Amino acid sequence: MSYLEIIQIRTAKTNQKLLNEFLSTWFAQVNENEKMGKVKIYKHINLETDYSVHIELNGKTKNDENQLGERLTLALKEFGIVNHSVWVEQQLNKKL
């Protein structure tokens, strides 16, 4: 089963540079550990203060050892408003 954690943050323009630095450092650290899952960071196309971090976890649940999304959510709260949600991949049976 696959899970997708989505962490969205809306920051103030004054925090933007600090947030970019934090996310760059965090992303580099996460990429050093291949067991963490696949991570992508998006920036809103029209709102330069909105970011979205997507963490794909295969065969792991939110309660697994790393709790990467929860730790990131707590760290990002100092930069702005944060929303964290966990999604599970839906397997649909196709009937022809």
N, C-alpha and C. Protein backbone atom coordinates (compact mmCIF):
# COMPACT_ATOMS: atom_id res chain seq x y z
N MET A 1 0.85 -1.18 0.00
CA MET A 1 0.00 0.00 0.00
C MET A 1 0.89 1.24 0.00
N SER A 2 0.51 2.27 -0.74
CA SER A 2 1.28 3.51 -0.83
C SER A 2 0.55 4.63 -0.10
N TYR A 3 1.34 5.45 0.55
CA TYR A 3 0.82 6.61 1.26
C TYR A 3 1.46 7.87 0.71
N LEU A 4 0.73 8.95 0.74
CA LEU A 4 1.23 10.24 0.31
C LEU A 4 0.95 11.25 1.42
N GLU A 5 2.00 11.85 1.94
CA GLU A 5 1.84 12.91 2.92
C GLU A 5 2.01 14.24 2.19
N ILE A 6 1.08 15.14 2.41
CA ILE A 6 1.15 16.47 1.80
C ILE A 6 1.21 17.49 2.92
N ILE A 7 2.27 18.29 2.91
CA ILE A 7 2.45 19.34 3.89
C ILE A 7 2.47 20.66 3.14
N GLN A 8 1.46 21.47 3.39
CA GLN A 8 1.36 22.77 2.73
C GLN A 8 1.69 23.86 3.74
N ILE A 9 2.41 24.87 3.27
CA ILE A 9 2.75 26.00 4.14
C ILE A 9 2.52 27.30 3.40
N ARG A 10 1.94 28.24 4.11
CA ARG A 10 1.80 29.61 3.63
C ARG A 10 2.62 30.47 4.58
N THR A 11 3.61 31.13 4.03
CA THR A 11 4.52 31.93 4.83
C THR A 11 4.36 33.41 4.48
N ALA A 12 4.96 34.26 5.28
CA ALA A 12 4.97 35.69 4.99
C ALA A 12 6.15 35.99 4.07
N LYS A 13 6.05 37.05 3.31
CA LYS A 13 7.15 37.40 2.41
C LYS A 13 8.46 37.59 3.18
N THR A 14 8.36 38.06 4.42
CA THR A 14 9.56 38.30 5.21
C THR A 14 10.24 36.99 5.63
N ASN A 15 9.51 35.89 5.67
CA ASN A 15 10.07 34.59 6.05
C ASN A 15 10.51 33.76 4.85
N GLN A 16 10.26 34.23 3.67
CA GLN A 16 10.47 33.42 2.47
C GLN A 16 11.92 32.96 2.29
N LYS A 17 12.87 33.84 2.48
CA LYS A 17 14.27 33.47 2.31
C LYS A 17 14.67 32.42 3.34
N LEU A 18 14.27 32.61 4.59
CA LEU A 18 14.59 31.64 5.64
C LEU A 18 13.95 30.29 5.36
N LEU A 19 12.71 30.31 4.88
CA LEU A 19 12.02 29.07 4.56
C LEU A 19 12.71 28.34 3.42
N ASN A 20 13.12 29.06 2.38
CA ASN A 20 13.85 28.45 1.27
C ASN A 20 15.14 27.79 1.75
N GLU A 21 15.86 28.47 2.62
CA GLU A 21 17.10 27.91 3.17
C GLU A 21 16.81 26.66 3.99
N PHE A 22 15.78 26.73 4.83
CA PHE A 22 15.42 25.58 5.66
C PHE A 22 15.05 24.38 4.79
N LEU A 23 14.17 24.60 3.79
CA LEU A 23 13.73 23.51 2.94
C LEU A 23 14.90 22.92 2.13
N SER A 24 15.82 23.75 1.67
CA SER A 24 16.98 23.26 0.93
C SER A 24 17.84 22.35 1.80
N THR A 25 18.10 22.77 3.02
CA THR A 25 18.89 21.97 3.96
C THR A 25 18.16 20.68 4.31
N TRP A 26 16.88 20.79 4.62
CA TRP A 26 16.08 19.62 4.98
C TRP A 26 16.04 18.62 3.83
N PHE A 27 15.81 19.11 2.62
CA PHE A 27 15.73 18.25 1.44
C PHE A 27 17.04 17.50 1.22
N ALA A 28 18.16 18.18 1.37
CA ALA A 28 19.47 17.54 1.21
C ALA A 28 19.67 16.43 2.24
N GLN A 29 19.26 16.68 3.47
CA GLN A 29 19.40 15.67 4.53
C GLN A 29 18.52 14.46 4.25
N VAL A 30 17.30 14.70 3.80
CA VAL A 30 16.37 13.60 3.52
C VAL A 30 16.88 12.76 2.36
N ASN A 31 17.43 13.40 1.35
CA ASN A 31 17.92 12.67 0.18
C ASN A 31 19.15 11.81 0.48
N GLU A 32 19.86 12.11 1.57
CA GLU A 32 21.00 11.29 1.97
C GLU A 32 20.54 9.91 2.44
N ASN A 33 19.34 9.85 2.99
CA ASN A 33 18.81 8.60 3.52
C ASN A 33 17.75 8.06 2.56
N GLU A 34 18.09 7.06 1.78
CA GLU A 34 17.18 6.51 0.77
C GLU A 34 15.95 5.84 1.37
N LYS A 35 16.00 5.46 2.64
CA LYS A 35 14.89 4.77 3.27
C LYS A 35 13.72 5.71 3.58
N MET A 36 13.93 6.99 3.46
CA MET A 36 12.91 7.97 3.83
C MET A 36 11.73 8.01 2.87
N GLY A 37 11.89 7.59 1.66
CA GLY A 37 10.82 7.69 0.67
C GLY A 37 11.14 8.75 -0.35
N LYS A 38 10.21 8.96 -1.24
CA LYS A 38 10.39 9.93 -2.32
C LYS A 38 9.80 11.27 -1.88
N VAL A 39 10.59 12.33 -2.01
CA VAL A 39 10.17 13.66 -1.55
C VAL A 39 10.26 14.64 -2.71
N LYS A 40 9.20 15.45 -2.85
CA LYS A 40 9.19 16.53 -3.84
C LYS A 40 8.67 17.79 -3.16
N ILE A 41 9.24 18.92 -3.57
CA ILE A 41 8.81 20.21 -3.02
C ILE A 41 8.31 21.06 -4.19
N TYR A 42 7.11 21.62 -3.99
CA TYR A 42 6.48 22.46 -5.01
C TYR A 42 6.27 23.86 -4.47
N LYS A 43 6.30 24.83 -5.38
CA LYS A 43 5.98 26.21 -5.04
C LYS A 43 4.78 26.61 -5.89
N HIS A 44 3.82 27.29 -5.28
CA HIS A 44 2.60 27.68 -6.00
C HIS A 44 2.97 28.57 -7.18
N ILE A 45 2.31 28.34 -8.29
CA ILE A 45 2.65 29.05 -9.53
C ILE A 45 2.33 30.56 -9.45
N ASN A 46 1.29 30.92 -8.68
CA ASN A 46 0.89 32.33 -8.60
C ASN A 46 1.15 32.98 -7.25
N LEU A 47 1.25 32.19 -6.19
CA LEU A 47 1.48 32.74 -4.85
C LEU A 47 2.87 32.36 -4.39
N GLU A 48 3.78 33.31 -4.42
CA GLU A 48 5.17 33.00 -4.10
C GLU A 48 5.39 32.63 -2.64
N THR A 49 4.39 32.78 -1.80
CA THR A 49 4.52 32.45 -0.38
C THR A 49 3.97 31.08 -0.03
N ASP A 50 3.46 30.32 -1.01
CA ASP A 50 2.86 29.01 -0.76
C ASP A 50 3.74 27.89 -1.30
N TYR A 51 3.97 26.90 -0.43
CA TYR A 51 4.78 25.73 -0.77
C TYR A 51 4.00 24.47 -0.43
N SER A 52 4.37 23.38 -1.08
CA SER A 52 3.77 22.08 -0.80
C SER A 52 4.87 21.02 -0.86
N VAL A 53 4.98 20.23 0.20
CA VAL A 53 5.96 19.15 0.26
C VAL A 53 5.20 17.84 0.15
N HIS A 54 5.59 16.97 -0.78
CA HIS A 54 4.94 15.69 -0.98
C HIS A 54 5.92 14.58 -0.64
N ILE A 55 5.51 13.70 0.26
CA ILE A 55 6.35 12.58 0.70
C ILE A 55 5.61 11.29 0.35
N GLU A 56 6.18 10.50 -0.54
CA GLU A 56 5.58 9.22 -0.94
C GLU A 56 6.23 8.11 -0.12
N LEU A 57 5.38 7.33 0.55
CA LEU A 57 5.85 6.21 1.37
C LEU A 57 5.21 4.94 0.85
N ASN A 58 6.00 4.00 0.43
CA ASN A 58 5.48 2.72 -0.08
C ASN A 58 5.52 1.68 1.03
N GLY A 59 4.35 1.12 1.34
CA GLY A 59 4.27 0.06 2.33
C GLY A 59 4.48 0.51 3.75
N LYS A 60 4.47 1.81 3.98
CA LYS A 60 4.66 2.33 5.33
C LYS A 60 3.40 3.09 5.74
N THR A 61 3.19 3.16 7.01
CA THR A 61 2.06 3.94 7.52
C THR A 61 2.58 5.17 8.22
N LYS A 62 1.67 6.03 8.57
CA LYS A 62 2.01 7.27 9.26
C LYS A 62 2.74 6.98 10.58
N ASN A 63 2.47 5.85 11.19
CA ASN A 63 3.05 5.53 12.50
C ASN A 63 4.40 4.82 12.40
N ASP A 64 4.93 4.69 11.20
CA ASP A 64 6.21 4.01 11.04
C ASP A 64 7.34 4.81 11.69
N GLU A 65 8.50 4.17 11.74
CA GLU A 65 9.64 4.65 12.48
C GLU A 65 10.06 6.09 12.18
N ASN A 66 10.02 6.53 10.95
CA ASN A 66 10.62 7.82 10.64
C ASN A 66 9.73 9.03 10.95
N GLN A 67 8.43 8.93 10.77
CA GLN A 67 7.50 10.03 11.04
C GLN A 67 8.00 11.34 10.44
N LEU A 68 8.50 11.24 9.25
CA LEU A 68 9.12 12.36 8.56
C LEU A 68 8.17 13.54 8.41
N GLY A 69 6.95 13.27 7.96
CA GLY A 69 5.98 14.34 7.75
C GLY A 69 5.60 15.08 9.02
N GLU A 70 5.44 14.35 10.10
CA GLU A 70 5.06 14.99 11.37
C GLU A 70 6.19 15.87 11.89
N ARG A 71 7.42 15.39 11.77
CA ARG A 71 8.56 16.21 12.23
C ARG A 71 8.70 17.47 11.38
N LEU A 72 8.51 17.34 10.05
CA LEU A 72 8.60 18.50 9.19
C LEU A 72 7.49 19.50 9.51
N THR A 73 6.29 19.00 9.73
CA THR A 73 5.16 19.87 10.06
C THR A 73 5.45 20.71 11.29
N LEU A 74 5.98 20.08 12.33
CA LEU A 74 6.31 20.81 13.55
C LEU A 74 7.38 21.87 13.30
N ALA A 75 8.39 21.54 12.50
CA ALA A 75 9.46 22.48 12.21
C ALA A 75 8.98 23.67 11.37
N LEU A 76 8.04 23.42 10.46
CA LEU A 76 7.57 24.49 9.56
C LEU A 76 6.64 25.48 10.25
N LYS A 77 6.08 25.14 11.38
CA LYS A 77 5.14 26.03 12.06
C LYS A 77 5.75 27.37 12.44
N GLU A 78 7.06 27.42 12.57
CA GLU A 78 7.71 28.70 12.89
C GLU A 78 7.75 29.64 11.68
N PHE A 79 7.48 29.12 10.48
CA PHE A 79 7.53 29.93 9.27
C PHE A 79 6.17 30.41 8.80
N GLY A 80 5.08 29.80 9.27
CA GLY A 80 3.77 30.22 8.81
C GLY A 80 2.69 29.21 9.14
N ILE A 81 1.61 29.28 8.38
CA ILE A 81 0.46 28.40 8.56
C ILE A 81 0.72 27.08 7.83
N VAL A 82 0.55 25.95 8.53
CA VAL A 82 0.88 24.64 7.98
C VAL A 82 -0.35 23.73 8.01
N ASN A 83 -0.52 22.99 6.93
CA ASN A 83 -1.56 21.97 6.84
C ASN A 83 -0.89 20.65 6.47
N HIS A 84 -1.18 19.59 7.22
CA HIS A 84 -0.57 18.27 6.99
C HIS A 84 -1.67 17.25 6.83
N SER A 85 -1.63 16.52 5.71
CA SER A 85 -2.63 15.47 5.50
C SER A 85 -1.93 14.22 4.97
N VAL A 86 -2.53 13.06 5.27
CA VAL A 86 -2.00 11.78 4.83
C VAL A 86 -3.04 11.11 3.96
N TRP A 87 -2.60 10.62 2.80
CA TRP A 87 -3.49 10.00 1.82
C TRP A 87 -3.02 8.57 1.58
N VAL A 88 -3.95 7.68 1.35
CA VAL A 88 -3.62 6.30 1.01
C VAL A 88 -4.07 6.06 -0.42
N GLU A 89 -3.21 5.35 -1.18
CA GLU A 89 -3.54 5.08 -2.58
C GLU A 89 -4.77 4.18 -2.66
N GLN A 90 -5.68 4.57 -3.50
CA GLN A 90 -6.92 3.81 -3.68
C GLN A 90 -6.75 2.85 -4.84
N GLN A 91 -6.94 1.57 -4.57
CA GLN A 91 -6.87 0.55 -5.61
C GLN A 91 -8.30 0.27 -6.08
N LEU A 92 -8.57 0.60 -7.32
CA LEU A 92 -9.90 0.40 -7.88
C LEU A 92 -9.88 -0.81 -8.80
N ASN A 93 -10.86 -1.66 -8.66
CA ASN A 93 -10.99 -2.81 -9.55
C ASN A 93 -11.74 -2.37 -10.79
N LYS A 94 -11.13 -2.63 -11.93
CA LYS A 94 -11.76 -2.27 -13.20
C LYS A 94 -12.63 -3.43 -13.69
N LYS A 95 -13.87 -3.14 -13.97
CA LYS A 95 -14.76 -4.15 -14.54
C LYS A 95 -15.05 -3.76 -15.98
N LEU A 96 -14.79 -4.68 -16.87
CA LEU A 96 -15.02 -4.40 -18.31
C LEU A 96 -16.37 -4.83 -18.75
